[in-house]
Amino acid sequence: MNKQAVIKLIRLVIADMTLSDNIIVEEDTPLIGISSQFDSMDLVMMTAMVEQELEGQGHDISIMSDKAFSLKNSPFRTVGTLAEYIESEINA
């Protein structure tokens, strides 16, 4: 699975969470911080839903892992950085 496919999956999960297709989710959309549209519970829910979707596709990874939280640059900064992290975990 490549980065663009992961971004598409994240977009679909966010649309399901918000029950709206009107939210614009781009690669540089912030997931954490002041400019984020999401709170911490949204992030946890979104990552759990992404993990569930990935598991359904045969990819058993944990996004909210010690590894993810110990990285110097958080993979949770933007949709793109999260997609890169997920892609690297799938391809590891």
PDB file of N, CA and C in Angstrom:
ATOM      1  N   MET A   1       0.859  -1.177   0.000  1.00  0.00           N
ATOM      2  CA  MET A   1       0.000   0.000   0.000  1.00  0.00           C
ATOM      3  C   MET A   1       0.900   1.233   0.000  1.00  0.00           C
ATOM      4  N   ASN A   2       0.617   2.155  -0.914  1.00  0.00           N
ATOM      5  CA  ASN A   2       1.449   3.356  -0.994  1.00  0.00           C
ATOM      6  C   ASN A   2       0.821   4.515  -0.211  1.00  0.00           C
ATOM      7  N   LYS A   3       1.579   5.586  -0.117  1.00  0.00           N
ATOM      8  CA  LYS A   3       1.160   6.746   0.677  1.00  0.00           C
ATOM      9  C   LYS A   3      -0.175   7.316   0.207  1.00  0.00           C
ATOM     10  N   GLN A   4      -0.371   7.431  -1.107  1.00  0.00           N
ATOM     11  CA  GLN A   4      -1.615   8.011  -1.615  1.00  0.00           C
ATOM     12  C   GLN A   4      -2.823   7.148  -1.269  1.00  0.00           C
ATOM     13  N   ALA A   5      -2.638   5.834  -1.271  1.00  0.00           N
ATOM     14  CA  ALA A   5      -3.728   4.931  -0.888  1.00  0.00           C
ATOM     15  C   ALA A   5      -4.054   5.088   0.593  1.00  0.00           C
ATOM     16  N   VAL A   6      -3.033   5.292   1.411  1.00  0.00           N
ATOM     17  CA  VAL A   6      -3.256   5.495   2.848  1.00  0.00           C
ATOM     18  C   VAL A   6      -3.970   6.825   3.079  1.00  0.00           C
ATOM     19  N   ILE A   7      -3.558   7.870   2.368  1.00  0.00           N
ATOM     20  CA  ILE A   7      -4.233   9.170   2.492  1.00  0.00           C
ATOM     21  C   ILE A   7      -5.710   9.033   2.115  1.00  0.00           C
ATOM     22  N   LYS A   8      -5.991   8.305   1.054  1.00  0.00           N
ATOM     23  CA  LYS A   8      -7.378   8.084   0.638  1.00  0.00           C
ATOM     24  C   LYS A   8      -8.158   7.372   1.743  1.00  0.00           C
ATOM     25  N   LEU A   9      -7.539   6.377   2.371  1.00  0.00           N
ATOM     26  CA  LEU A   9      -8.179   5.655   3.468  1.00  0.00           C
ATOM     27  C   LEU A   9      -8.453   6.588   4.649  1.00  0.00           C
ATOM     28  N   ILE A  10      -7.481   7.420   4.994  1.00  0.00           N
ATOM     29  CA  ILE A  10      -7.651   8.376   6.097  1.00  0.00           C
ATOM     30  C   ILE A  10      -8.802   9.335   5.777  1.00  0.00           C
ATOM     31  N   ARG A  11      -8.869   9.813   4.539  1.00  0.00           N
ATOM     32  CA  ARG A  11      -9.970  10.706   4.127  1.00  0.00           C
ATOM     33  C   ARG A  11     -11.325  10.026   4.310  1.00  0.00           C
ATOM     34  N   LEU A  12     -11.421   8.771   3.883  1.00  0.00           N
ATOM     35  CA  LEU A  12     -12.685   8.044   4.016  1.00  0.00           C
ATOM     36  C   LEU A  12     -13.071   7.859   5.478  1.00  0.00           C
ATOM     37  N   VAL A  13     -12.099   7.558   6.320  1.00  0.00           N
ATOM     38  CA  VAL A  13     -12.372   7.379   7.750  1.00  0.00           C
ATOM     39  C   VAL A  13     -12.849   8.693   8.359  1.00  0.00           C
ATOM     40  N   ILE A  14     -12.189   9.785   8.025  1.00  0.00           N
ATOM     41  CA  ILE A  14     -12.594  11.092   8.565  1.00  0.00           C
ATOM     42  C   ILE A  14     -13.993  11.450   8.078  1.00  0.00           C
ATOM     43  N   ALA A  15     -14.309  11.165   6.827  1.00  0.00           N
ATOM     44  CA  ALA A  15     -15.659  11.431   6.307  1.00  0.00           C
ATOM     45  C   ALA A  15     -16.684  10.599   7.064  1.00  0.00           C
ATOM     46  N   ASP A  16     -16.360   9.340   7.359  1.00  0.00           N
ATOM     47  CA  ASP A  16     -17.266   8.487   8.140  1.00  0.00           C
ATOM     48  C   ASP A  16     -17.444   9.027   9.559  1.00  0.00           C
ATOM     49  N   MET A  17     -16.350   9.481  10.161  1.00  0.00           N
ATOM     50  CA  MET A  17     -16.402   9.998  11.536  1.00  0.00           C
ATOM     51  C   MET A  17     -17.274  11.240  11.630  1.00  0.00           C
ATOM     52  N   THR A  18     -17.132  12.121  10.654  1.00  0.00           N
ATOM     53  CA  THR A  18     -17.821  13.401  10.707  1.00  0.00           C
ATOM     54  C   THR A  18     -19.175  13.342  10.021  1.00  0.00           C
ATOM     55  N   LEU A  19     -19.447  12.211   9.359  1.00  0.00           N
ATOM     56  CA  LEU A  19     -20.683  12.043   8.589  1.00  0.00           C
ATOM     57  C   LEU A  19     -20.848  13.144   7.557  1.00  0.00           C
ATOM     58  N   SER A  20     -19.697  13.564   6.989  1.00  0.00           N
ATOM     59  CA  SER A  20     -19.731  14.628   5.998  1.00  0.00           C
ATOM     60  C   SER A  20     -18.622  14.428   4.974  1.00  0.00           C
ATOM     61  N   ASP A  21     -18.949  14.661   3.726  1.00  0.00           N
ATOM     62  CA  ASP A  21     -17.939  14.649   2.667  1.00  0.00           C
ATOM     63  C   ASP A  21     -17.436  16.065   2.397  1.00  0.00           C
ATOM     64  N   ASN A  22     -17.946  17.041   3.155  1.00  0.00           N
ATOM     65  CA  ASN A  22     -17.607  18.440   2.916  1.00  0.00           C
ATOM     66  C   ASN A  22     -16.315  18.876   3.594  1.00  0.00           C
ATOM     67  N   ILE A  23     -15.784  18.064   4.502  1.00  0.00           N
ATOM     68  CA  ILE A  23     -14.536  18.424   5.160  1.00  0.00           C
ATOM     69  C   ILE A  23     -13.388  18.151   4.201  1.00  0.00           C
ATOM     70  N   ILE A  24     -12.579  19.161   3.970  1.00  0.00           N
ATOM     71  CA  ILE A  24     -11.448  19.019   3.057  1.00  0.00           C
ATOM     72  C   ILE A  24     -10.265  18.466   3.835  1.00  0.00           C
ATOM     73  N   VAL A  25      -9.793  17.299   3.406  1.00  0.00           N
ATOM     74  CA  VAL A  25      -8.659  16.647   4.048  1.00  0.00           C
ATOM     75  C   VAL A  25      -7.567  16.508   3.000  1.00  0.00           C
ATOM     76  N   GLU A  26      -6.508  17.273   3.197  1.00  0.00           N
ATOM     77  CA  GLU A  26      -5.361  17.251   2.288  1.00  0.00           C
ATOM     78  C   GLU A  26      -4.174  16.621   2.998  1.00  0.00           C
ATOM     79  N   GLU A  27      -3.113  16.415   2.273  1.00  0.00           N
ATOM     80  CA  GLU A  27      -1.900  15.829   2.843  1.00  0.00           C
ATOM     81  C   GLU A  27      -1.354  16.677   3.985  1.00  0.00           C
ATOM     82  N   ASP A  28      -1.498  17.998   3.892  1.00  0.00           N
ATOM     83  CA  ASP A  28      -0.956  18.881   4.923  1.00  0.00           C
ATOM     84  C   ASP A  28      -1.984  19.270   5.997  1.00  0.00           C
ATOM     85  N   THR A  29      -3.128  18.606   6.025  1.00  0.00           N
ATOM     86  CA  THR A  29      -4.132  18.872   7.053  1.00  0.00           C
ATOM     87  C   THR A  29      -3.576  18.472   8.412  1.00  0.00           C
ATOM     88  N   PRO A  30      -3.520  19.422   9.371  1.00  0.00           N
ATOM     89  CA  PRO A  30      -2.977  19.097  10.695  1.00  0.00           C
ATOM     90  C   PRO A  30      -3.905  18.182  11.490  1.00  0.00           C
ATOM     91  N   LEU A  31      -3.310  17.212  12.163  1.00  0.00           N
ATOM     92  CA  LEU A  31      -4.074  16.304  13.023  1.00  0.00           C
ATOM     93  C   LEU A  31      -3.938  16.672  14.492  1.00  0.00           C
ATOM     94  N   ILE A  32      -2.868  17.383  14.829  1.00  0.00           N
ATOM     95  CA  ILE A  32      -2.653  17.831  16.208  1.00  0.00           C
ATOM     96  C   ILE A  32      -2.250  19.303  16.185  1.00  0.00           C
ATOM     97  N   GLY A  33      -2.379  19.953  17.311  1.00  0.00           N
ATOM     98  CA  GLY A  33      -1.970  21.350  17.417  1.00  0.00           C
ATOM     99  C   GLY A  33      -3.134  22.307  17.306  1.00  0.00           C
ATOM    100  N   ILE A  34      -2.822  23.563  17.421  1.00  0.00           N
ATOM    101  CA  ILE A  34      -3.831  24.628  17.445  1.00  0.00           C
ATOM    102  C   ILE A  34      -4.634  24.680  16.150  1.00  0.00           C
ATOM    103  N   SER A  35      -3.989  24.448  15.001  1.00  0.00           N
ATOM    104  CA  SER A  35      -4.713  24.550  13.730  1.00  0.00           C
ATOM    105  C   SER A  35      -5.483  23.304  13.345  1.00  0.00           C
ATOM    106  N   SER A  36      -5.435  22.288  14.185  1.00  0.00           N
ATOM    107  CA  SER A  36      -6.141  21.054  13.888  1.00  0.00           C
ATOM    108  C   SER A  36      -7.639  21.206  14.126  1.00  0.00           C
ATOM    109  N   GLN A  37      -8.426  20.551  13.286  1.00  0.00           N
ATOM    110  CA  GLN A  37      -9.881  20.524  13.452  1.00  0.00           C
ATOM    111  C   GLN A  37     -10.301  19.392  14.387  1.00  0.00           C
ATOM    112  N   PHE A  38      -9.310  18.606  14.851  1.00  0.00           N
ATOM    113  CA  PHE A  38      -9.588  17.400  15.616  1.00  0.00           C
ATOM    114  C   PHE A  38      -9.066  17.529  17.040  1.00  0.00           C
ATOM    115  N   ASP A  39      -9.800  16.953  17.988  1.00  0.00           N
ATOM    116  CA  ASP A  39      -9.288  16.905  19.350  1.00  0.00           C
ATOM    117  C   ASP A  39      -8.637  15.538  19.571  1.00  0.00           C
ATOM    118  N   SER A  40      -8.115  15.316  20.765  1.00  0.00           N
ATOM    119  CA  SER A  40      -7.374  14.087  21.031  1.00  0.00           C
ATOM    120  C   SER A  40      -8.252  12.844  20.899  1.00  0.00           C
ATOM    121  N   MET A  41      -9.504  12.939  21.294  1.00  0.00           N
ATOM    122  CA  MET A  41     -10.409  11.798  21.154  1.00  0.00           C
ATOM    123  C   MET A  41     -10.702  11.498  19.691  1.00  0.00           C
ATOM    124  N   ASP A  42     -10.818  12.544  18.875  1.00  0.00           N
ATOM    125  CA  ASP A  42     -10.998  12.346  17.433  1.00  0.00           C
ATOM    126  C   ASP A  42      -9.805  11.598  16.848  1.00  0.00           C
ATOM    127  N   LEU A  43      -8.605  11.980  17.279  1.00  0.00           N
ATOM    128  CA  LEU A  43      -7.390  11.344  16.770  1.00  0.00           C
ATOM    129  C   LEU A  43      -7.342   9.869  17.160  1.00  0.00           C
ATOM    130  N   VAL A  44      -7.682   9.575  18.401  1.00  0.00           N
ATOM    131  CA  VAL A  44      -7.692   8.182  18.858  1.00  0.00           C
ATOM    132  C   VAL A  44      -8.732   7.381  18.077  1.00  0.00           C
ATOM    133  N   MET A  45      -9.910   7.949  17.910  1.00  0.00           N
ATOM    134  CA  MET A  45     -10.978   7.265  17.186  1.00  0.00           C
ATOM    135  C   MET A  45     -10.588   7.044  15.722  1.00  0.00           C
ATOM    136  N   MET A  46     -10.008   8.068  15.109  1.00  0.00           N
ATOM    137  CA  MET A  46      -9.605   7.974  13.713  1.00  0.00           C
ATOM    138  C   MET A  46      -8.532   6.910  13.524  1.00  0.00           C
ATOM    139  N   THR A  47      -7.526   6.885  14.387  1.00  0.00           N
ATOM    140  CA  THR A  47      -6.460   5.888  14.228  1.00  0.00           C
ATOM    141  C   THR A  47      -7.002   4.475  14.457  1.00  0.00           C
ATOM    142  N   ALA A  48      -7.919   4.311  15.401  1.00  0.00           N
ATOM    143  CA  ALA A  48      -8.516   2.988  15.636  1.00  0.00           C
ATOM    144  C   ALA A  48      -9.301   2.531  14.411  1.00  0.00           C
ATOM    145  N   MET A  49     -10.034   3.454  13.791  1.00  0.00           N
ATOM    146  CA  MET A  49     -10.807   3.111  12.602  1.00  0.00           C
ATOM    147  C   MET A  49      -9.889   2.792  11.411  1.00  0.00           C
ATOM    148  N   VAL A  50      -8.794   3.537  11.289  1.00  0.00           N
ATOM    149  CA  VAL A  50      -7.831   3.263  10.219  1.00  0.00           C
ATOM    150  C   VAL A  50      -7.202   1.884  10.440  1.00  0.00           C
ATOM    151  N   GLU A  51      -6.812   1.592  11.685  1.00  0.00           N
ATOM    152  CA  GLU A  51      -6.251   0.265  11.995  1.00  0.00           C
ATOM    153  C   GLU A  51      -7.235  -0.840  11.629  1.00  0.00           C
ATOM    154  N   GLN A  52      -8.499  -0.628  11.951  1.00  0.00           N
ATOM    155  CA  GLN A  52      -9.528  -1.621  11.652  1.00  0.00           C
ATOM    156  C   GLN A  52      -9.664  -1.831  10.134  1.00  0.00           C
ATOM    157  N   GLU A  53      -9.668  -0.744   9.386  1.00  0.00           N
ATOM    158  CA  GLU A  53      -9.749  -0.844   7.922  1.00  0.00           C
ATOM    159  C   GLU A  53      -8.522  -1.561   7.362  1.00  0.00           C
ATOM    160  N   LEU A  54      -7.355  -1.226   7.886  1.00  0.00           N
ATOM    161  CA  LEU A  54      -6.124  -1.871   7.416  1.00  0.00           C
ATOM    162  C   LEU A  54      -6.131  -3.361   7.737  1.00  0.00           C
ATOM    163  N   GLU A  55      -6.619  -3.698   8.924  1.00  0.00           N
ATOM    164  CA  GLU A  55      -6.707  -5.104   9.315  1.00  0.00           C
ATOM    165  C   GLU A  55      -7.609  -5.866   8.342  1.00  0.00           C
ATOM    166  N   GLY A  56      -8.687  -5.243   7.933  1.00  0.00           N
ATOM    167  CA  GLY A  56      -9.584  -5.852   6.963  1.00  0.00           C
ATOM    168  C   GLY A  56      -8.928  -6.078   5.606  1.00  0.00           C
ATOM    169  N   GLN A  57      -7.847  -5.338   5.352  1.00  0.00           N
ATOM    170  CA  GLN A  57      -7.095  -5.492   4.107  1.00  0.00           C
ATOM    171  C   GLN A  57      -5.863  -6.382   4.299  1.00  0.00           C
ATOM    172  N   GLY A  58      -5.752  -6.981   5.486  1.00  0.00           N
ATOM    173  CA  GLY A  58      -4.642  -7.898   5.736  1.00  0.00           C
ATOM    174  C   GLY A  58      -3.399  -7.273   6.327  1.00  0.00           C
ATOM    175  N   HIS A  59      -3.489  -6.039   6.809  1.00  0.00           N
ATOM    176  CA  HIS A  59      -2.339  -5.349   7.407  1.00  0.00           C
ATOM    177  C   HIS A  59      -2.577  -5.200   8.908  1.00  0.00           C
ATOM    178  N   ASP A  60      -1.810  -5.932   9.693  1.00  0.00           N
ATOM    179  CA  ASP A  60      -1.974  -5.892  11.148  1.00  0.00           C
ATOM    180  C   ASP A  60      -0.892  -5.011  11.754  1.00  0.00           C
ATOM    181  N   ILE A  61      -1.206  -3.711  11.898  1.00  0.00           N
ATOM    182  CA  ILE A  61      -0.245  -2.776  12.485  1.00  0.00           C
ATOM    183  C   ILE A  61      -0.913  -1.998  13.607  1.00  0.00           C
ATOM    184  N   SER A  62      -0.078  -1.478  14.501  1.00  0.00           N
ATOM    185  CA  SER A  62      -0.560  -0.627  15.582  1.00  0.00           C
ATOM    186  C   SER A  62      -0.035   0.788  15.342  1.00  0.00           C
ATOM    187  N   ILE A  63      -0.944   1.706  15.084  1.00  0.00           N
ATOM    188  CA  ILE A  63      -0.549   3.088  14.810  1.00  0.00           C
ATOM    189  C   ILE A  63      -0.175   3.807  16.100  1.00  0.00           C
ATOM    190  N   MET A  64      -0.964   3.633  17.145  1.00  0.00           N
ATOM    191  CA  MET A  64      -0.723   4.276  18.437  1.00  0.00           C
ATOM    192  C   MET A  64       0.226   3.406  19.271  1.00  0.00           C
ATOM    193  N   SER A  65       1.445   3.276  18.803  1.00  0.00           N
ATOM    194  CA  SER A  65       2.417   2.413  19.470  1.00  0.00           C
ATOM    195  C   SER A  65       3.493   3.245  20.163  1.00  0.00           C
ATOM    196  N   ASP A  66       4.255   2.588  21.025  1.00  0.00           N
ATOM    197  CA  ASP A  66       5.391   3.255  21.671  1.00  0.00           C
ATOM    198  C   ASP A  66       6.359   3.777  20.621  1.00  0.00           C
ATOM    199  N   LYS A  67       6.528   3.006  19.551  1.00  0.00           N
ATOM    200  CA  LYS A  67       7.431   3.422  18.475  1.00  0.00           C
ATOM    201  C   LYS A  67       6.987   4.759  17.884  1.00  0.00           C
ATOM    202  N   ALA A  68       5.702   4.886  17.597  1.00  0.00           N
ATOM    203  CA  ALA A  68       5.178   6.118  16.998  1.00  0.00           C
ATOM    204  C   ALA A  68       5.374   7.311  17.930  1.00  0.00           C
ATOM    205  N   PHE A  69       5.141   7.102  19.218  1.00  0.00           N
ATOM    206  CA  PHE A  69       5.263   8.205  20.174  1.00  0.00           C
ATOM    207  C   PHE A  69       6.699   8.538  20.529  1.00  0.00           C
ATOM    208  N   SER A  70       7.631   7.634  20.241  1.00  0.00           N
ATOM    209  CA  SER A  70       9.023   7.885  20.599  1.00  0.00           C
ATOM    210  C   SER A  70       9.824   8.516  19.463  1.00  0.00           C
ATOM    211  N   LEU A  71       9.231   8.640  18.298  1.00  0.00           N
ATOM    212  CA  LEU A  71       9.934   9.247  17.168  1.00  0.00           C
ATOM    213  C   LEU A  71      10.178  10.728  17.417  1.00  0.00           C
ATOM    214  N   LYS A  72      11.314  11.219  16.939  1.00  0.00           N
ATOM    215  CA  LYS A  72      11.672  12.628  17.119  1.00  0.00           C
ATOM    216  C   LYS A  72      10.616  13.539  16.485  1.00  0.00           C
ATOM    217  N   ASN A  73      10.187  13.186  15.272  1.00  0.00           N
ATOM    218  CA  ASN A  73       9.134  13.936  14.582  1.00  0.00           C
ATOM    219  C   ASN A  73       7.862  13.102  14.614  1.00  0.00           C
ATOM    220  N   SER A  74       6.859  13.602  15.294  1.00  0.00           N
ATOM    221  CA  SER A  74       5.614  12.864  15.469  1.00  0.00           C
ATOM    222  C   SER A  74       4.959  12.540  14.124  1.00  0.00           C
ATOM    223  N   PRO A  75       4.550  11.290  13.940  1.00  0.00           N
ATOM    224  CA  PRO A  75       3.825  10.948  12.727  1.00  0.00           C
ATOM    225  C   PRO A  75       2.396  11.490  12.723  1.00  0.00           C
ATOM    226  N   PHE A  76       1.960  12.048  13.833  1.00  0.00           N
ATOM    227  CA  PHE A  76       0.588  12.540  13.957  1.00  0.00           C
ATOM    228  C   PHE A  76       0.447  14.025  13.616  1.00  0.00           C
ATOM    229  N   ARG A  77       1.503  14.646  13.085  1.00  0.00           N
ATOM    230  CA  ARG A  77       1.456  16.081  12.764  1.00  0.00           C
ATOM    231  C   ARG A  77       0.410  16.400  11.700  1.00  0.00           C
ATOM    232  N   THR A  78       0.456  15.657  10.593  1.00  0.00           N
ATOM    233  CA  THR A  78      -0.459  15.914   9.480  1.00  0.00           C
ATOM    234  C   THR A  78      -0.956  14.590   8.898  1.00  0.00           C
ATOM    235  N   VAL A  79      -1.919  14.676   8.021  1.00  0.00           N
ATOM    236  CA  VAL A  79      -2.410  13.487   7.330  1.00  0.00           C
ATOM    237  C   VAL A  79      -1.257  12.843   6.551  1.00  0.00           C
ATOM    238  N   GLY A  80      -0.429  13.658   5.925  1.00  0.00           N
ATOM    239  CA  GLY A  80       0.691  13.148   5.138  1.00  0.00           C
ATOM    240  C   GLY A  80       1.734  12.437   5.984  1.00  0.00           C
ATOM    241  N   THR A  81       2.083  13.016   7.141  1.00  0.00           N
ATOM    242  CA  THR A  81       3.092  12.359   7.989  1.00  0.00           C
ATOM    243  C   THR A  81       2.539  11.070   8.574  1.00  0.00           C
ATOM    244  N   LEU A  82       1.258  11.040   8.874  1.00  0.00           N
ATOM    245  CA  LEU A  82       0.646   9.809   9.367  1.00  0.00           C
ATOM    246  C   LEU A  82       0.626   8.752   8.262  1.00  0.00           C
ATOM    247  N   ALA A  83       0.293   9.161   7.047  1.00  0.00           N
ATOM    248  CA  ALA A  83       0.279   8.226   5.915  1.00  0.00           C
ATOM    249  C   ALA A  83       1.673   7.656   5.662  1.00  0.00           C
ATOM    250  N   GLU A  84       2.697   8.497   5.759  1.00  0.00           N
ATOM    251  CA  GLU A  84       4.075   8.022   5.583  1.00  0.00           C
ATOM    252  C   GLU A  84       4.431   6.991   6.645  1.00  0.00           C
ATOM    253  N   TYR A  85       4.053   7.260   7.882  1.00  0.00           N
ATOM    254  CA  TYR A  85       4.332   6.327   8.976  1.00  0.00           C
ATOM    255  C   TYR A  85       3.622   4.987   8.745  1.00  0.00           C
ATOM    256  N   ILE A  86       2.348   5.058   8.377  1.00  0.00           N
ATOM    257  CA  ILE A  86       1.575   3.839   8.139  1.00  0.00           C
ATOM    258  C   ILE A  86       2.178   3.059   6.981  1.00  0.00           C
ATOM    259  N   GLU A  87       2.523   3.752   5.904  1.00  0.00           N
ATOM    260  CA  GLU A  87       3.138   3.088   4.755  1.00  0.00           C
ATOM    261  C   GLU A  87       4.433   2.380   5.162  1.00  0.00           C
ATOM    262  N   SER A  88       5.255   3.044   5.978  1.00  0.00           N
ATOM    263  CA  SER A  88       6.515   2.431   6.396  1.00  0.00           C
ATOM    264  C   SER A  88       6.277   1.207   7.286  1.00  0.00           C
ATOM    265  N   GLU A  89       5.240   1.260   8.126  1.00  0.00           N
ATOM    266  CA  GLU A  89       4.924   0.115   8.989  1.00  0.00           C
ATOM    267  C   GLU A  89       4.391  -1.057   8.160  1.00  0.00           C
ATOM    268  N   ILE A  90       3.590  -0.764   7.160  1.00  0.00           N
ATOM    269  CA  ILE A  90       3.057  -1.831   6.308  1.00  0.00           C
ATOM    270  C   ILE A  90       4.187  -2.499   5.536  1.00  0.00           C
ATOM    271  N   ASN A  91       5.117  -1.692   5.048  1.00  0.00           N
ATOM    272  CA  ASN A  91       6.195  -2.216   4.208  1.00  0.00           C
ATOM    273  C   ASN A  91       7.385  -2.720   4.996  1.00  0.00           C
ATOM    274  N   ALA A  92       7.320  -2.646   6.325  1.00  0.00           N
ATOM    275  CA  ALA A  92       8.459  -3.090   7.149  1.00  0.00           C
ATOM    276  C   ALA A  92       8.564  -4.607   7.169  1.00  0.00           C
TER     277      ALA A  92
END
